[in-house]
């Protein structure tokens, strides 16, 4: 695992030899937390600029909201004994023409993700945040939209996937999704308590 993490830390493919689109215009700073003991993997989109600057995943208001959903403290969240954190893109992808974050680089998924999860067979629960993580971790089980996928969350709890773990879909905890949360009150009323119950069970909090 240490060797794989060292490879990831040194990766400059998207800057020096990109497979898709333009090369990164900034120095890559891969962010990935692997673990031999964590039973939960947090799988989101890609680091934003604040995470890029600090090297700490979910080190922003989105992370604060996610930790509220999980029912954990900041110290617990960043304990690799409890949580692996594997975004679909390990590096900040840059901004689009409107100033929003670009999608995760496809190179990460193709080059790294299968290898990363092969190193963590003990994972029992994957929390798939947003459409990109859901596409990778849920495949054909994903619904036509992110909302439909999350709305059908109960159907993903049992049985577990062929890999032996459960995938629970969540919307992105960005504050830009506050309107979505208001339109879908069932999420915090029904899904979040079940999420917290499972997190407590798998982390022995």
Protein backbone atom coordinates (compact mmCIF):
# COMPACT_ATOMS: atom_id res chain seq x y z
CA UNK A 1 0.00 0.00 0.00
CA UNK A 2 2.83 2.41 0.85
CA UNK A 3 4.35 1.82 -2.58
CA UNK A 4 1.05 2.56 -4.31
CA UNK A 5 0.53 5.73 -2.29
CA UNK A 6 4.04 6.84 -3.26
CA UNK A 7 3.20 6.27 -6.94
CA UNK A 8 0.02 8.30 -6.60
CA UNK A 9 1.84 11.13 -4.83
CA UNK A 10 4.33 11.34 -7.70
CA UNK A 11 1.73 11.16 -10.49
CA UNK A 12 1.97 13.98 -13.03
CA UNK A 13 0.17 12.29 -15.93
CA UNK A 14 -2.59 14.89 -16.28
CA UNK A 15 -0.01 17.65 -16.51
CA UNK A 16 2.72 15.96 -18.57
CA UNK A 17 0.94 13.31 -20.66
CA UNK A 18 -2.84 13.73 -20.39
CA UNK A 19 -5.07 11.12 -21.99
CA UNK A 20 -8.09 13.41 -22.19
CA UNK A 21 -8.40 17.11 -22.86
CA UNK A 22 -5.95 19.81 -21.99
CA UNK A 23 -3.12 19.26 -19.52
CA UNK A 24 -3.44 20.61 -16.01
CA UNK A 25 -2.16 24.17 -15.89
CA UNK A 26 -1.02 23.87 -12.27
CA UNK A 27 1.21 21.57 -10.29
CA UNK A 28 -0.71 18.39 -9.38
CA UNK A 29 -1.22 17.59 -5.70
CA UNK A 30 -2.87 14.17 -5.44
CA UNK A 31 -5.10 13.67 -2.41
CA UNK A 32 -5.94 10.09 -1.43
CA UNK A 33 -6.21 8.43 1.99
CA UNK A 34 -5.84 4.64 1.97
CA UNK A 35 -6.17 2.36 4.97
CA UNK A 36 -5.67 -1.28 5.98
CA UNK A 37 -8.24 -1.04 8.78
CA UNK A 38 -10.96 1.43 7.77
CA UNK A 39 -14.26 -0.24 7.00
CA UNK A 40 -15.72 2.88 5.33
CA UNK A 41 -14.51 4.64 2.19
CA UNK A 42 -15.58 8.21 1.45
CA UNK A 43 -15.67 8.60 -2.34
CA UNK A 44 -16.42 12.03 -3.73
CA UNK A 45 -15.64 14.06 -6.82
CA UNK A 46 -12.26 15.85 -6.76
CA UNK A 47 -10.45 18.32 -4.51
CA UNK A 48 -11.41 21.97 -4.69
CA UNK A 49 -8.87 24.76 -4.53
CA UNK A 50 -8.85 24.90 -0.71
CA UNK A 51 -8.15 21.17 -0.50
CA UNK A 52 -5.49 21.57 -3.19
CA UNK A 53 -3.80 24.27 -1.14
CA UNK A 54 -3.86 22.32 2.13
CA UNK A 55 -3.61 18.71 0.96
CA UNK A 56 -6.43 17.80 3.36
CA UNK A 57 -9.58 16.25 1.81
CA UNK A 58 -12.94 17.87 2.56
CA UNK A 59 -11.17 20.70 4.34
CA UNK A 60 -13.92 23.17 3.48
CA UNK A 61 -17.58 23.94 4.27
CA UNK A 62 -18.64 20.90 2.20
CA UNK A 63 -16.58 18.75 4.54
CA UNK A 64 -18.24 20.33 7.57
CA UNK A 65 -21.66 19.42 6.21
CA UNK A 66 -20.51 15.91 5.29
CA UNK A 67 -19.22 15.34 8.83
CA UNK A 68 -22.62 16.48 10.15
CA UNK A 69 -24.32 13.91 7.92
CA UNK A 70 -21.93 11.20 9.10
CA UNK A 71 -22.27 12.18 12.75
CA UNK A 72 -18.49 12.29 13.33
CA UNK A 73 -16.00 14.82 14.60
CA UNK A 74 -13.25 16.31 12.49
CA UNK A 75 -10.65 14.20 14.32
CA UNK A 76 -12.62 11.02 13.68
CA UNK A 77 -13.11 11.88 10.03
CA UNK A 78 -9.37 12.32 9.46
CA UNK A 79 -8.41 9.15 11.33
CA UNK A 80 -7.27 6.69 8.61
CA UNK A 81 -8.03 3.84 10.98
CA UNK A 82 -11.70 4.76 10.56
CA UNK A 83 -12.08 6.23 7.07
CA UNK A 84 -10.41 5.86 3.69
CA UNK A 85 -10.96 8.88 1.42
CA UNK A 86 -10.73 8.19 -2.31
CA UNK A 87 -12.10 10.90 -4.63
CA UNK A 88 -12.73 10.11 -8.29
CA UNK A 89 -10.07 12.66 -9.21
CA UNK A 90 -7.11 12.93 -6.88
CA UNK A 91 -6.09 16.42 -8.00
CA UNK A 92 -7.87 19.76 -8.27
CA UNK A 93 -9.02 19.75 -11.92
CA UNK A 94 -9.07 23.53 -12.40
CA UNK A 95 -11.91 25.87 -13.32
CA UNK A 96 -14.27 25.97 -16.27
CA UNK A 97 -15.12 29.12 -18.24
CA UNK A 98 -17.76 30.09 -15.66
CA UNK A 99 -15.46 29.76 -12.65
CA UNK A 100 -16.81 26.40 -11.48
CA UNK A 101 -14.69 23.35 -10.80
CA UNK A 102 -14.11 21.11 -13.79
CA UNK A 103 -15.15 17.42 -13.57
CA UNK A 104 -12.67 14.92 -12.13
CA UNK A 105 -9.94 13.89 -14.56
CA UNK A 106 -10.79 10.55 -16.19
CA UNK A 107 -7.17 9.47 -15.96
CA UNK A 108 -7.47 8.81 -12.22
CA UNK A 109 -10.32 6.38 -12.64
CA UNK A 110 -8.54 4.43 -15.37
CA UNK A 111 -5.08 4.36 -13.83
CA UNK A 112 -5.58 4.22 -10.09
CA UNK A 113 -8.99 3.32 -8.75
CA UNK A 114 -9.10 -0.42 -9.37
CA UNK A 115 -5.64 -0.72 -7.84
CA UNK A 116 -6.57 1.39 -4.81
CA UNK A 117 -9.65 -0.65 -3.94
CA UNK A 118 -7.86 -3.94 -4.56
CA UNK A 119 -5.54 -2.89 -1.72
CA UNK A 120 -8.49 -2.36 0.65
CA UNK A 121 -10.59 -5.54 0.59
CA UNK A 122 -11.77 -4.87 4.17
CA UNK A 123 -13.99 -1.96 3.07
CA UNK A 124 -17.63 -2.72 3.92
CA UNK A 125 -19.35 0.58 3.11
CA UNK A 126 -18.61 2.93 0.23
CA UNK A 127 -20.23 6.35 0.52
CA UNK A 128 -20.56 7.47 -3.10
CA UNK A 129 -20.94 11.25 -3.18
CA UNK A 130 -22.26 12.72 -6.43
CA UNK A 131 -22.75 11.37 -9.92
CA UNK A 132 -19.12 10.61 -10.80
CA UNK A 133 -18.51 8.40 -7.77
CA UNK A 134 -21.90 6.76 -8.24
CA UNK A 135 -21.12 5.97 -11.87
CA UNK A 136 -17.91 4.17 -10.89
CA UNK A 137 -19.05 2.40 -7.75
CA UNK A 138 -22.65 1.58 -8.74
CA UNK A 139 -22.41 0.99 -12.49
CA UNK A 140 -25.70 -0.14 -13.99
CA UNK A 141 -27.43 0.02 -10.60
CA UNK A 142 -27.33 3.81 -10.80
CA UNK A 143 -30.59 5.50 -11.83
CA UNK A 144 -31.15 8.09 -14.56
CA UNK A 145 -30.30 11.02 -12.29
CA UNK A 146 -28.43 11.62 -9.06
CA UNK A 147 -31.70 12.51 -7.31
CA UNK A 148 -33.35 9.27 -8.42
CA UNK A 149 -30.31 7.28 -7.32
CA UNK A 150 -30.26 8.82 -3.85
CA UNK A 151 -34.06 8.56 -3.55
CA UNK A 152 -33.76 4.80 -4.10
CA UNK A 153 -31.06 4.45 -1.40
CA UNK A 154 -32.84 1.67 0.47
CA UNK A 155 -32.51 -0.71 -2.47
CA UNK A 156 -28.72 -0.42 -2.31
CA UNK A 157 -28.39 -1.47 1.33
CA UNK A 158 -29.08 -5.14 0.65
CA UNK A 159 -27.72 -7.24 -0.87
CA UNK A 160 -24.12 -6.00 -0.98
CA UNK A 161 -22.32 -5.71 -4.29
CA UNK A 162 -20.29 -8.52 -5.78
CA UNK A 163 -17.22 -6.98 -4.17
CA UNK A 164 -18.73 -7.64 -0.74
CA UNK A 165 -19.49 -4.06 0.24
CA UNK A 166 -22.54 -1.80 0.29
CA UNK A 167 -22.60 1.42 -1.73
CA UNK A 168 -24.70 4.22 -0.26
CA UNK A 169 -25.29 7.19 -2.61
CA UNK A 170 -25.30 10.76 -1.33
CA UNK A 171 -25.65 14.16 -3.00
CA UNK A 172 -22.62 16.40 -2.84
CA UNK A 173 -22.54 18.27 0.50
CA UNK A 174 -21.69 21.54 -1.22
CA UNK A 175 -23.62 24.53 0.06
CA UNK A 176 -24.71 25.02 -3.55
CA UNK A 177 -26.98 22.03 -2.93
CA UNK A 178 -28.87 23.71 -0.10
CA UNK A 179 -31.84 24.18 -2.44
CA UNK A 180 -31.81 20.46 -3.25
CA UNK A 181 -31.92 19.62 0.46
CA UNK A 182 -34.90 21.93 0.97
CA UNK A 183 -36.73 20.29 -1.93
CA UNK A 184 -35.92 16.81 -0.66
CA UNK A 185 -36.48 16.85 3.12
CA UNK A 186 -36.66 13.04 3.18
CA UNK A 187 -32.88 12.98 2.76
CA UNK A 188 -32.06 14.40 6.19
CA UNK A 189 -35.16 12.88 7.78
CA UNK A 190 -34.70 9.30 6.54
CA UNK A 191 -31.33 8.66 4.90
CA UNK A 192 -29.04 10.58 7.26
CA UNK A 193 -30.14 8.71 10.42
CA UNK A 194 -29.48 5.38 8.68
CA UNK A 195 -26.13 6.67 7.46
CA UNK A 196 -25.15 7.69 11.00
CA UNK A 197 -26.28 4.35 12.39
CA UNK A 198 -24.08 2.45 9.94
CA UNK A 199 -21.12 4.75 10.50
CA UNK A 200 -21.37 4.22 14.25
CA UNK A 201 -21.57 0.48 13.74
CA UNK A 202 -18.56 0.30 11.43
CA UNK A 203 -16.36 2.68 13.41
CA UNK A 204 -17.45 1.60 16.91
CA UNK A 205 -17.96 5.26 17.87
